[in-house]
């Protein structure tokens, strides 16, 4: 990161910082799941700001932000993957990890 700072390459600096955020979030996987999810969500936002959609996709998946992930798929033309997300949401509805109101919001936004 320091190299990009000294070189004045702001885009590479942002990309490196996003990679570092994702790596830090990954370290929290076994200790604090909520902090891990929050960290991956921040990293996803950073990746999106750098137009690094594949990396943002991984982070949104790791943070279990299904609605945001579905919106990213819609934006990037990967709409064929959205049914898989709905399956994840339904399984989380069964286990109580996902709220019914969030599911209804997703249904309304994508007109399923």
N, C-alpha and C. Protein backbone atom coordinates (compact mmCIF):
# COMPACT_ATOMS: atom_id res chain seq x y z
N UNK A 1 0.83 -1.20 0.00
CA UNK A 1 0.00 0.00 0.00
C UNK A 1 0.87 1.25 0.00
N UNK A 2 1.96 1.22 0.75
CA UNK A 2 2.83 2.39 0.81
C UNK A 2 3.42 2.72 -0.56
N UNK A 3 3.73 1.69 -1.34
CA UNK A 3 4.30 1.92 -2.68
C UNK A 3 3.33 2.73 -3.54
N UNK A 4 2.07 2.36 -3.49
CA UNK A 4 1.08 3.07 -4.30
C UNK A 4 0.84 4.48 -3.78
N UNK A 5 0.95 4.65 -2.46
CA UNK A 5 0.80 5.98 -1.87
C UNK A 5 1.92 6.88 -2.35
N UNK A 6 3.15 6.39 -2.26
CA UNK A 6 4.30 7.18 -2.70
C UNK A 6 4.27 7.45 -4.19
N UNK A 7 3.78 6.50 -4.97
CA UNK A 7 3.72 6.66 -6.42
C UNK A 7 2.55 7.54 -6.85
N UNK A 8 1.62 7.79 -5.94
CA UNK A 8 0.47 8.61 -6.26
C UNK A 8 -0.56 7.90 -7.12
N UNK A 9 -0.54 6.56 -7.09
CA UNK A 9 -1.49 5.77 -7.87
C UNK A 9 -2.72 5.49 -7.01
N UNK A 10 -3.70 6.40 -7.08
CA UNK A 10 -4.85 6.30 -6.18
C UNK A 10 -5.72 5.08 -6.47
N UNK A 11 -5.87 4.69 -7.73
CA UNK A 11 -6.70 3.53 -8.04
C UNK A 11 -6.08 2.25 -7.47
N UNK A 12 -4.80 2.07 -7.67
CA UNK A 12 -4.14 0.88 -7.12
C UNK A 12 -4.13 0.91 -5.60
N UNK A 13 -4.05 2.10 -5.02
CA UNK A 13 -4.12 2.23 -3.57
C UNK A 13 -5.49 1.77 -3.08
N UNK A 14 -6.57 2.20 -3.75
CA UNK A 14 -7.92 1.78 -3.37
C UNK A 14 -8.09 0.28 -3.52
N UNK A 15 -7.57 -0.28 -4.61
CA UNK A 15 -7.68 -1.72 -4.83
C UNK A 15 -6.93 -2.49 -3.74
N UNK A 16 -5.75 -2.02 -3.39
CA UNK A 16 -4.97 -2.68 -2.34
C UNK A 16 -5.66 -2.60 -0.99
N UNK A 17 -6.25 -1.45 -0.70
CA UNK A 17 -6.97 -1.29 0.56
C UNK A 17 -8.19 -2.20 0.61
N UNK A 18 -8.87 -2.35 -0.51
CA UNK A 18 -10.02 -3.26 -0.56
C UNK A 18 -9.58 -4.70 -0.32
N UNK A 19 -8.46 -5.09 -0.94
CA UNK A 19 -7.93 -6.44 -0.71
C UNK A 19 -7.57 -6.64 0.75
N UNK A 20 -7.00 -5.62 1.36
CA UNK A 20 -6.63 -5.71 2.77
C UNK A 20 -7.88 -5.82 3.66
N UNK A 21 -8.92 -5.07 3.34
CA UNK A 21 -10.17 -5.16 4.10
C UNK A 21 -10.75 -6.57 4.02
N UNK A 22 -10.73 -7.16 2.83
CA UNK A 22 -11.26 -8.52 2.66
C UNK A 22 -10.42 -9.52 3.45
N UNK A 23 -9.10 -9.34 3.43
CA UNK A 23 -8.23 -10.25 4.17
C UNK A 23 -8.47 -10.15 5.67
N UNK A 24 -8.66 -8.94 6.16
CA UNK A 24 -8.95 -8.74 7.59
C UNK A 24 -10.28 -9.37 7.97
N UNK A 25 -11.28 -9.22 7.11
CA UNK A 25 -12.59 -9.82 7.39
C UNK A 25 -12.48 -11.33 7.43
N UNK A 26 -11.69 -11.88 6.55
CA UNK A 26 -11.53 -13.34 6.49
C UNK A 26 -10.91 -13.89 7.78
N UNK A 27 -10.06 -13.12 8.41
CA UNK A 27 -9.42 -13.54 9.66
C UNK A 27 -10.43 -13.68 10.79
N UNK A 28 -11.56 -13.00 10.68
CA UNK A 28 -12.57 -13.01 11.74
C UNK A 28 -13.54 -14.17 11.60
N UNK A 29 -13.36 -14.99 10.59
CA UNK A 29 -14.30 -16.07 10.27
C UNK A 29 -14.61 -16.97 11.47
N UNK A 30 -13.60 -17.30 12.25
CA UNK A 30 -13.82 -18.24 13.36
C UNK A 30 -14.04 -17.56 14.71
N UNK A 31 -13.91 -16.24 14.77
CA UNK A 31 -14.02 -15.58 16.07
C UNK A 31 -15.30 -14.75 16.22
N UNK A 32 -15.59 -13.89 15.26
CA UNK A 32 -16.75 -13.02 15.38
C UNK A 32 -17.44 -12.90 14.03
N UNK A 33 -18.50 -13.67 13.86
CA UNK A 33 -19.17 -13.74 12.55
C UNK A 33 -19.80 -12.41 12.14
N UNK A 34 -20.34 -11.66 13.09
CA UNK A 34 -20.96 -10.38 12.72
C UNK A 34 -19.91 -9.39 12.26
N UNK A 35 -18.78 -9.32 12.96
CA UNK A 35 -17.70 -8.44 12.52
C UNK A 35 -17.17 -8.89 11.17
N UNK A 36 -17.10 -10.21 10.95
CA UNK A 36 -16.65 -10.73 9.67
C UNK A 36 -17.59 -10.26 8.56
N UNK A 37 -18.89 -10.41 8.78
CA UNK A 37 -19.87 -9.99 7.77
C UNK A 37 -19.75 -8.50 7.49
N UNK A 38 -19.63 -7.70 8.55
CA UNK A 38 -19.48 -6.25 8.39
C UNK A 38 -18.22 -5.92 7.60
N UNK A 39 -17.13 -6.63 7.91
CA UNK A 39 -15.87 -6.40 7.21
C UNK A 39 -15.96 -6.74 5.74
N UNK A 40 -16.61 -7.87 5.42
CA UNK A 40 -16.79 -8.23 4.02
C UNK A 40 -17.70 -7.23 3.30
N UNK A 41 -18.68 -6.71 4.01
CA UNK A 41 -19.57 -5.72 3.40
C UNK A 41 -18.79 -4.43 3.08
N UNK A 42 -17.93 -3.99 4.00
CA UNK A 42 -17.09 -2.82 3.73
C UNK A 42 -16.14 -3.08 2.56
N UNK A 43 -15.56 -4.27 2.53
CA UNK A 43 -14.66 -4.63 1.43
C UNK A 43 -15.41 -4.65 0.11
N UNK A 44 -16.63 -5.18 0.12
CA UNK A 44 -17.44 -5.22 -1.11
C UNK A 44 -17.68 -3.81 -1.63
N UNK A 45 -18.00 -2.90 -0.73
CA UNK A 45 -18.22 -1.51 -1.14
C UNK A 45 -16.94 -0.92 -1.75
N UNK A 46 -15.81 -1.22 -1.13
CA UNK A 46 -14.54 -0.73 -1.67
C UNK A 46 -14.26 -1.31 -3.05
N UNK A 47 -14.51 -2.61 -3.21
CA UNK A 47 -14.31 -3.24 -4.52
C UNK A 47 -15.25 -2.63 -5.57
N UNK A 48 -16.50 -2.37 -5.19
CA UNK A 48 -17.43 -1.77 -6.14
C UNK A 48 -16.97 -0.38 -6.57
N UNK A 49 -16.39 0.37 -5.63
CA UNK A 49 -15.88 1.70 -5.96
C UNK A 49 -14.72 1.63 -6.95
N UNK A 50 -14.04 0.49 -7.00
CA UNK A 50 -12.93 0.28 -7.94
C UNK A 50 -13.37 -0.49 -9.18
N UNK A 51 -14.66 -0.75 -9.30
CA UNK A 51 -15.22 -1.52 -10.41
C UNK A 51 -14.64 -2.94 -10.46
N UNK A 52 -14.37 -3.51 -9.30
CA UNK A 52 -13.87 -4.88 -9.20
C UNK A 52 -15.05 -5.77 -8.80
N UNK A 53 -15.90 -6.07 -9.78
CA UNK A 53 -17.18 -6.73 -9.50
C UNK A 53 -17.02 -8.18 -9.04
N UNK A 54 -16.05 -8.90 -9.58
CA UNK A 54 -15.87 -10.29 -9.15
C UNK A 54 -15.49 -10.38 -7.68
N UNK A 55 -14.61 -9.49 -7.25
CA UNK A 55 -14.19 -9.47 -5.85
C UNK A 55 -15.35 -9.02 -4.95
N UNK A 56 -16.12 -8.03 -5.42
CA UNK A 56 -17.28 -7.57 -4.66
C UNK A 56 -18.30 -8.70 -4.51
N UNK A 57 -18.46 -9.48 -5.56
CA UNK A 57 -19.37 -10.63 -5.52
C UNK A 57 -18.98 -11.60 -4.42
N UNK A 58 -17.70 -11.91 -4.33
CA UNK A 58 -17.22 -12.84 -3.29
C UNK A 58 -17.49 -12.27 -1.90
N UNK A 59 -17.22 -10.98 -1.72
CA UNK A 59 -17.43 -10.36 -0.41
C UNK A 59 -18.90 -10.29 -0.04
N UNK A 60 -19.76 -9.97 -0.99
CA UNK A 60 -21.20 -9.94 -0.69
C UNK A 60 -21.71 -11.33 -0.36
N UNK A 61 -21.18 -12.33 -1.03
CA UNK A 61 -21.56 -13.70 -0.71
C UNK A 61 -21.10 -14.06 0.71
N UNK A 62 -19.87 -13.70 1.05
CA UNK A 62 -19.34 -14.00 2.38
C UNK A 62 -20.07 -13.24 3.48
N UNK A 63 -20.57 -12.05 3.15
CA UNK A 63 -21.31 -11.27 4.15
C UNK A 63 -22.79 -11.65 4.20
N UNK A 64 -23.18 -12.54 3.28
CA UNK A 64 -24.55 -13.04 3.21
C UNK A 64 -25.55 -11.92 2.95
N UNK A 65 -25.12 -10.97 2.16
CA UNK A 65 -25.98 -9.85 1.76
C UNK A 65 -26.63 -10.22 0.43
N UNK A 66 -27.66 -11.05 0.51
CA UNK A 66 -28.24 -11.65 -0.69
C UNK A 66 -28.92 -10.62 -1.59
N UNK A 67 -29.57 -9.64 -1.02
CA UNK A 67 -30.26 -8.65 -1.84
C UNK A 67 -29.24 -7.83 -2.62
N UNK A 68 -28.19 -7.40 -1.94
CA UNK A 68 -27.14 -6.63 -2.62
C UNK A 68 -26.45 -7.48 -3.67
N UNK A 69 -26.23 -8.76 -3.36
CA UNK A 69 -25.60 -9.66 -4.32
C UNK A 69 -26.49 -9.83 -5.55
N UNK A 70 -27.79 -9.98 -5.33
CA UNK A 70 -28.72 -10.10 -6.46
C UNK A 70 -28.70 -8.84 -7.32
N UNK A 71 -28.63 -7.67 -6.68
CA UNK A 71 -28.57 -6.41 -7.43
C UNK A 71 -27.27 -6.33 -8.23
N UNK A 72 -26.17 -6.80 -7.66
CA UNK A 72 -24.91 -6.82 -8.40
C UNK A 72 -25.01 -7.74 -9.61
N UNK A 73 -25.61 -8.91 -9.41
CA UNK A 73 -25.80 -9.83 -10.53
C UNK A 73 -26.66 -9.20 -11.62
N UNK A 74 -27.69 -8.48 -11.20
CA UNK A 74 -28.56 -7.82 -12.17
C UNK A 74 -27.75 -6.77 -12.95
N UNK A 75 -26.96 -6.00 -12.24
CA UNK A 75 -26.17 -4.94 -12.87
C UNK A 75 -25.13 -5.51 -13.84
N UNK A 76 -24.55 -6.64 -13.49
CA UNK A 76 -23.48 -7.21 -14.32
C UNK A 76 -23.99 -8.23 -15.32
N UNK A 77 -25.32 -8.40 -15.40
CA UNK A 77 -25.89 -9.29 -16.40
C UNK A 77 -25.87 -10.76 -16.02
N UNK A 78 -25.66 -11.07 -14.76
CA UNK A 78 -25.63 -12.46 -14.30
C UNK A 78 -26.98 -12.85 -13.68
N UNK A 79 -28.05 -12.45 -14.32
CA UNK A 79 -29.39 -12.69 -13.75
C UNK A 79 -29.73 -14.17 -13.65
N UNK A 80 -29.04 -15.01 -14.40
CA UNK A 80 -29.32 -16.45 -14.30
C UNK A 80 -28.90 -17.03 -12.96
N UNK A 81 -28.11 -16.31 -12.18
CA UNK A 81 -27.65 -16.79 -10.88
C UNK A 81 -28.63 -16.41 -9.77
N UNK A 82 -29.49 -15.44 -10.01
CA UNK A 82 -30.41 -14.95 -8.99
C UNK A 82 -31.28 -16.06 -8.39
N UNK A 83 -31.77 -17.05 -9.16
CA UNK A 83 -32.54 -18.12 -8.51
C UNK A 83 -31.75 -18.87 -7.44
N UNK A 84 -30.44 -19.00 -7.60
CA UNK A 84 -29.63 -19.65 -6.58
C UNK A 84 -29.62 -18.83 -5.29
N UNK A 85 -29.63 -17.52 -5.42
CA UNK A 85 -29.68 -16.66 -4.24
C UNK A 85 -31.01 -16.83 -3.52
N UNK A 86 -32.07 -16.95 -4.29
CA UNK A 86 -33.39 -17.13 -3.68
C UNK A 86 -33.43 -18.43 -2.88
N UNK A 87 -32.79 -19.47 -3.37
CA UNK A 87 -32.70 -20.73 -2.63
C UNK A 87 -31.97 -20.51 -1.30
N UNK A 88 -30.89 -19.73 -1.32
CA UNK A 88 -30.17 -19.43 -0.08
C UNK A 88 -31.06 -18.67 0.89
N UNK A 89 -31.81 -17.71 0.37
CA UNK A 89 -32.70 -16.92 1.23
C UNK A 89 -33.77 -17.81 1.84
N UNK A 90 -34.37 -18.69 1.05
CA UNK A 90 -35.41 -19.57 1.58
C UNK A 90 -34.85 -20.46 2.67
N UNK A 91 -33.65 -20.99 2.47
CA UNK A 91 -33.07 -21.84 3.52
C UNK A 91 -32.79 -21.03 4.78
N UNK A 92 -32.43 -19.77 4.62
CA UNK A 92 -32.21 -18.92 5.80
C UNK A 92 -33.53 -18.52 6.45
N UNK A 93 -34.58 -18.40 5.67
CA UNK A 93 -35.89 -18.14 6.26
C UNK A 93 -36.30 -19.30 7.17
N UNK A 94 -36.02 -20.51 6.71
CA UNK A 94 -36.36 -21.70 7.50
C UNK A 94 -35.59 -21.72 8.81
N UNK A 95 -34.32 -21.34 8.77
CA UNK A 95 -33.49 -21.38 9.98
C UNK A 95 -33.61 -20.11 10.81
N UNK A 96 -34.33 -19.11 10.30
CA UNK A 96 -34.50 -17.86 11.05
C UNK A 96 -33.37 -16.87 10.88
N UNK A 97 -32.47 -17.12 9.95
CA UNK A 97 -31.34 -16.20 9.74
C UNK A 97 -31.70 -15.04 8.83
N UNK A 98 -32.79 -15.12 8.13
CA UNK A 98 -33.18 -14.09 7.16
C UNK A 98 -34.62 -13.72 7.46
N UNK A 99 -34.92 -12.45 7.46
CA UNK A 99 -36.27 -12.03 7.82
C UNK A 99 -37.22 -12.13 6.64
N UNK A 100 -38.45 -12.38 6.94
CA UNK A 100 -39.49 -12.47 5.91
C UNK A 100 -39.63 -11.14 5.19
N UNK A 101 -39.50 -10.04 5.91
CA UNK A 101 -39.64 -8.73 5.27
C UNK A 101 -38.55 -8.51 4.23
N UNK A 102 -37.33 -8.99 4.49
CA UNK A 102 -36.25 -8.87 3.51
C UNK A 102 -36.56 -9.69 2.27
N UNK A 103 -37.13 -10.88 2.48
CA UNK A 103 -37.49 -11.72 1.34
C UNK A 103 -38.58 -11.05 0.50
N UNK A 104 -39.57 -10.46 1.15
CA UNK A 104 -40.64 -9.79 0.42
C UNK A 104 -40.11 -8.59 -0.34
N UNK A 105 -39.14 -7.88 0.24
CA UNK A 105 -38.51 -6.76 -0.44
C UNK A 105 -37.80 -7.24 -1.70
N UNK A 106 -37.07 -8.34 -1.58
CA UNK A 106 -36.38 -8.91 -2.74
C UNK A 106 -37.39 -9.31 -3.81
N UNK A 107 -38.47 -9.95 -3.39
CA UNK A 107 -39.49 -10.41 -4.33
C UNK A 107 -40.09 -9.21 -5.06
N UNK A 108 -40.37 -8.15 -4.33
CA UNK A 108 -40.96 -6.96 -4.93
C UNK A 108 -39.99 -6.31 -5.92
N UNK A 109 -38.72 -6.19 -5.55
CA UNK A 109 -37.76 -5.50 -6.40
C UNK A 109 -37.47 -6.25 -7.67
N UNK A 110 -37.50 -7.57 -7.66
CA UNK A 110 -37.16 -8.34 -8.84
C UNK A 110 -38.38 -8.91 -9.52
N UNK A 111 -39.57 -8.61 -8.99
CA UNK A 111 -40.83 -9.04 -9.58
C UNK A 111 -40.79 -10.54 -9.94
N UNK A 112 -40.55 -11.37 -8.94
CA UNK A 112 -40.46 -12.82 -9.16
C UNK A 112 -41.82 -13.42 -9.43
